[in-house]
């Protein structure tokens, strides 16, 4: 019933409200994009860290194998 009693809005008022809503929506979209960018950057950083960790682990395993092989060769030479 209250809707029926309200005066119709002028064209200028409607345009101002639409512009305000558009600006509000644009701002929220901008914030969402920034959050997504931050999330994407964090995900990329985690992926790089995971790759580096895997590289270090593989390097350690390779060095341990080489050390074990070298140790076996030393034992054979002595014995």
N, C-alpha and C. Protein backbone atom coordinates (compact mmCIF):
# COMPACT_ATOMS: atom_id res chain seq x y z
N UNK A 1 0.83 -1.18 0.00
CA UNK A 1 0.00 0.00 0.00
C UNK A 1 0.88 1.25 0.00
N UNK A 2 2.02 1.17 0.71
CA UNK A 2 2.91 2.31 0.77
C UNK A 2 3.47 2.65 -0.61
N UNK A 3 3.70 1.61 -1.43
CA UNK A 3 4.21 1.84 -2.77
C UNK A 3 3.24 2.67 -3.60
N UNK A 4 1.97 2.47 -3.40
CA UNK A 4 0.97 3.20 -4.17
C UNK A 4 0.92 4.67 -3.78
N UNK A 5 1.26 4.98 -2.54
CA UNK A 5 1.16 6.35 -2.05
C UNK A 5 2.42 7.17 -2.32
N UNK A 6 3.49 6.54 -2.74
CA UNK A 6 4.72 7.27 -3.00
C UNK A 6 4.62 8.04 -4.31
N UNK A 7 5.25 9.18 -4.32
CA UNK A 7 5.31 9.97 -5.54
C UNK A 7 6.28 9.28 -6.49
N UNK A 8 5.97 9.28 -7.74
CA UNK A 8 6.92 8.67 -8.70
C UNK A 8 8.22 9.47 -8.73
N UNK A 9 9.30 8.76 -8.92
CA UNK A 9 10.60 9.41 -8.93
C UNK A 9 10.81 10.09 -10.28
N UNK A 10 11.52 11.19 -10.22
CA UNK A 10 11.82 11.89 -11.46
C UNK A 10 12.88 11.10 -12.23
N UNK A 11 13.00 11.42 -13.47
CA UNK A 11 13.97 10.76 -14.32
C UNK A 11 15.39 10.98 -13.78
N UNK A 12 15.67 12.19 -13.33
CA UNK A 12 16.98 12.51 -12.77
C UNK A 12 17.27 11.68 -11.54
N UNK A 13 16.29 11.52 -10.66
CA UNK A 13 16.48 10.71 -9.45
C UNK A 13 16.76 9.26 -9.81
N UNK A 14 16.01 8.73 -10.78
CA UNK A 14 16.24 7.34 -11.20
C UNK A 14 17.64 7.19 -11.79
N UNK A 15 18.06 8.15 -12.61
CA UNK A 15 19.39 8.09 -13.22
C UNK A 15 20.48 8.17 -12.16
N UNK A 16 20.28 9.03 -11.16
CA UNK A 16 21.26 9.14 -10.08
C UNK A 16 21.35 7.84 -9.28
N UNK A 17 20.19 7.24 -8.99
CA UNK A 17 20.18 5.98 -8.26
C UNK A 17 20.84 4.87 -9.08
N UNK A 18 20.57 4.84 -10.37
CA UNK A 18 21.19 3.83 -11.23
C UNK A 18 22.70 4.04 -11.32
N UNK A 19 23.12 5.30 -11.40
CA UNK A 19 24.56 5.59 -11.44
C UNK A 19 25.22 5.19 -10.13
N UNK A 20 24.56 5.47 -9.03
CA UNK A 20 25.10 5.11 -7.72
C UNK A 20 25.20 3.59 -7.58
N UNK A 21 24.17 2.89 -8.03
CA UNK A 21 24.18 1.43 -7.97
C UNK A 21 25.27 0.87 -8.89
N UNK A 22 25.45 1.46 -10.05
CA UNK A 22 26.49 1.02 -10.98
C UNK A 22 27.87 1.22 -10.37
N UNK A 23 28.08 2.38 -9.74
CA UNK A 23 29.37 2.65 -9.10
C UNK A 23 29.62 1.68 -7.95
N UNK A 24 28.59 1.41 -7.18
CA UNK A 24 28.68 0.47 -6.06
C UNK A 24 29.04 -0.92 -6.58
N UNK A 25 28.34 -1.35 -7.63
CA UNK A 25 28.59 -2.66 -8.22
C UNK A 25 30.00 -2.72 -8.80
N UNK A 26 30.41 -1.68 -9.49
CA UNK A 26 31.76 -1.64 -10.07
C UNK A 26 32.82 -1.73 -8.98
N UNK A 27 32.60 -1.05 -7.87
CA UNK A 27 33.56 -1.08 -6.77
C UNK A 27 33.67 -2.49 -6.19
N UNK A 28 32.55 -3.15 -6.00
CA UNK A 28 32.57 -4.51 -5.47
C UNK A 28 33.23 -5.48 -6.45
N UNK A 29 32.99 -5.28 -7.73
CA UNK A 29 33.66 -6.12 -8.73
C UNK A 29 35.16 -5.89 -8.71
N UNK A 30 35.57 -4.64 -8.54
CA UNK A 30 36.99 -4.31 -8.44
C UNK A 30 37.62 -4.98 -7.23
N UNK A 31 36.91 -4.93 -6.10
CA UNK A 31 37.42 -5.59 -4.88
C UNK A 31 37.49 -7.10 -5.07
N UNK A 32 36.49 -7.67 -5.73
CA UNK A 32 36.49 -9.11 -5.98
C UNK A 32 37.66 -9.49 -6.88
N UNK A 33 37.92 -8.69 -7.91
CA UNK A 33 39.06 -8.95 -8.79
C UNK A 33 40.38 -8.87 -8.02
N UNK A 34 40.49 -7.87 -7.15
CA UNK A 34 41.72 -7.72 -6.36
C UNK A 34 41.91 -8.92 -5.44
N UNK A 35 40.82 -9.37 -4.83
CA UNK A 35 40.92 -10.54 -3.95
C UNK A 35 41.30 -11.78 -4.75
N UNK A 36 40.72 -11.91 -5.92
CA UNK A 36 41.05 -13.05 -6.77
C UNK A 36 42.51 -12.98 -7.20
N UNK A 37 42.97 -11.79 -7.54
CA UNK A 37 44.37 -11.63 -7.92
C UNK A 37 45.29 -12.03 -6.77
N UNK A 38 44.93 -11.59 -5.57
CA UNK A 38 45.74 -11.95 -4.40
C UNK A 38 45.72 -13.46 -4.19
N UNK A 39 44.56 -14.06 -4.36
CA UNK A 39 44.44 -15.52 -4.20
C UNK A 39 45.26 -16.23 -5.27
N UNK A 40 45.18 -15.74 -6.49
CA UNK A 40 45.97 -16.35 -7.56
C UNK A 40 47.47 -16.21 -7.30
N UNK A 41 47.88 -15.05 -6.79
CA UNK A 41 49.29 -14.85 -6.47
C UNK A 41 49.73 -15.79 -5.36
N UNK A 42 48.89 -15.95 -4.35
CA UNK A 42 49.21 -16.86 -3.25
C UNK A 42 49.30 -18.30 -3.76
N UNK A 43 48.38 -18.68 -4.62
CA UNK A 43 48.40 -20.03 -5.18
C UNK A 43 49.66 -20.25 -6.00
N UNK A 44 50.05 -19.25 -6.77
CA UNK A 44 51.27 -19.36 -7.58
C UNK A 44 52.50 -19.46 -6.68
N UNK A 45 52.53 -18.66 -5.62
CA UNK A 45 53.65 -18.71 -4.69
C UNK A 45 53.74 -20.08 -4.02
N UNK A 46 52.60 -20.65 -3.66
CA UNK A 46 52.59 -21.98 -3.05
C UNK A 46 53.07 -23.03 -4.05
N UNK A 47 52.68 -22.90 -5.30
CA UNK A 47 53.12 -23.84 -6.33
C UNK A 47 54.63 -23.75 -6.53
N UNK A 48 55.15 -22.54 -6.57
CA UNK A 48 56.60 -22.36 -6.71
C UNK A 48 57.33 -22.95 -5.50
N UNK A 49 56.80 -22.71 -4.31
CA UNK A 49 57.41 -23.27 -3.09
C UNK A 49 57.37 -24.79 -3.11
N UNK A 50 56.27 -25.36 -3.59
CA UNK A 50 56.15 -26.81 -3.67
C UNK A 50 57.18 -27.38 -4.65
N UNK A 51 57.33 -26.72 -5.79
CA UNK A 51 58.32 -27.17 -6.78
C UNK A 51 59.73 -27.08 -6.22
N UNK A 52 60.03 -26.00 -5.53
CA UNK A 52 61.37 -25.84 -4.94
C UNK A 52 61.61 -26.91 -3.87
N UNK A 53 60.59 -27.18 -3.05
CA UNK A 53 60.71 -28.20 -2.02
C UNK A 53 60.94 -29.57 -2.66
N UNK A 54 60.24 -29.86 -3.74
CA UNK A 54 60.42 -31.13 -4.44
C UNK A 54 61.83 -31.23 -5.02
N UNK A 55 62.32 -30.12 -5.57
CA UNK A 55 63.67 -30.08 -6.12
C UNK A 55 64.71 -30.35 -5.02
N UNK A 56 64.54 -29.73 -3.88
CA UNK A 56 65.47 -29.93 -2.76
C UNK A 56 65.41 -31.38 -2.28
N UNK A 57 64.20 -31.93 -2.17
CA UNK A 57 64.06 -33.32 -1.73
C UNK A 57 64.75 -34.28 -2.71
N UNK A 58 64.53 -34.05 -4.01
CA UNK A 58 65.17 -34.90 -5.02
C UNK A 58 66.68 -34.77 -4.96
N UNK A 59 67.18 -33.56 -4.73
CA UNK A 59 68.62 -33.34 -4.62
C UNK A 59 69.20 -34.08 -3.42
N UNK A 60 68.50 -34.02 -2.30
CA UNK A 60 68.96 -34.74 -1.10
C UNK A 60 68.97 -36.24 -1.35
N UNK A 61 67.92 -36.77 -1.97
CA UNK A 61 67.87 -38.20 -2.27
C UNK A 61 69.02 -38.61 -3.20
N UNK A 62 69.28 -37.79 -4.21
CA UNK A 62 70.37 -38.09 -5.14
C UNK A 62 71.72 -38.09 -4.42
N UNK A 63 71.92 -37.12 -3.55
CA UNK A 63 73.19 -37.05 -2.80
C UNK A 63 73.34 -38.25 -1.87
N UNK A 64 72.25 -38.66 -1.23
CA UNK A 64 72.32 -39.83 -0.34
C UNK A 64 72.65 -41.10 -1.13
N UNK A 65 72.06 -41.25 -2.31
CA UNK A 65 72.38 -42.41 -3.15
C UNK A 65 73.84 -42.39 -3.56
N UNK A 66 74.31 -41.22 -3.98
CA UNK A 66 75.72 -41.11 -4.39
C UNK A 66 76.67 -41.38 -3.22
N UNK A 67 76.29 -40.90 -2.05
CA UNK A 67 77.11 -41.14 -0.86
C UNK A 67 77.15 -42.64 -0.54
N UNK A 68 76.00 -43.30 -0.65
CA UNK A 68 75.94 -44.75 -0.38
C UNK A 68 76.77 -45.52 -1.39
N UNK A 69 76.70 -45.12 -2.65
CA UNK A 69 77.50 -45.79 -3.68
C UNK A 69 78.99 -45.59 -3.42
N UNK A 70 79.36 -44.38 -3.08
CA UNK A 70 80.77 -44.08 -2.81
C UNK A 70 81.25 -44.86 -1.60
N UNK A 71 80.41 -45.00 -0.59
CA UNK A 71 80.77 -45.73 0.61
C UNK A 71 80.98 -47.21 0.28
N UNK A 72 80.14 -47.77 -0.57
CA UNK A 72 80.30 -49.19 -0.98
C UNK A 72 81.60 -49.37 -1.74
N UNK A 73 81.94 -48.42 -2.60
CA UNK A 73 83.19 -48.52 -3.36
C UNK A 73 84.40 -48.48 -2.42
N UNK A 74 84.34 -47.63 -1.40
CA UNK A 74 85.44 -47.55 -0.44
C UNK A 74 85.60 -48.85 0.33
N UNK A 75 84.49 -49.45 0.70
CA UNK A 75 84.55 -50.72 1.45
C UNK A 75 85.19 -51.80 0.58
N UNK A 76 84.83 -51.87 -0.68
CA UNK A 76 85.39 -52.88 -1.57
C UNK A 76 86.91 -52.69 -1.75
N UNK A 77 87.35 -51.45 -1.85
CA UNK A 77 88.76 -51.19 -2.06
C UNK A 77 89.58 -51.61 -0.85
N UNK A 78 89.05 -51.35 0.32
CA UNK A 78 89.76 -51.67 1.55
C UNK A 78 89.78 -53.19 1.75
N UNK A 79 88.66 -53.85 1.50
CA UNK A 79 88.53 -55.27 1.80
C UNK A 79 89.11 -56.14 0.79
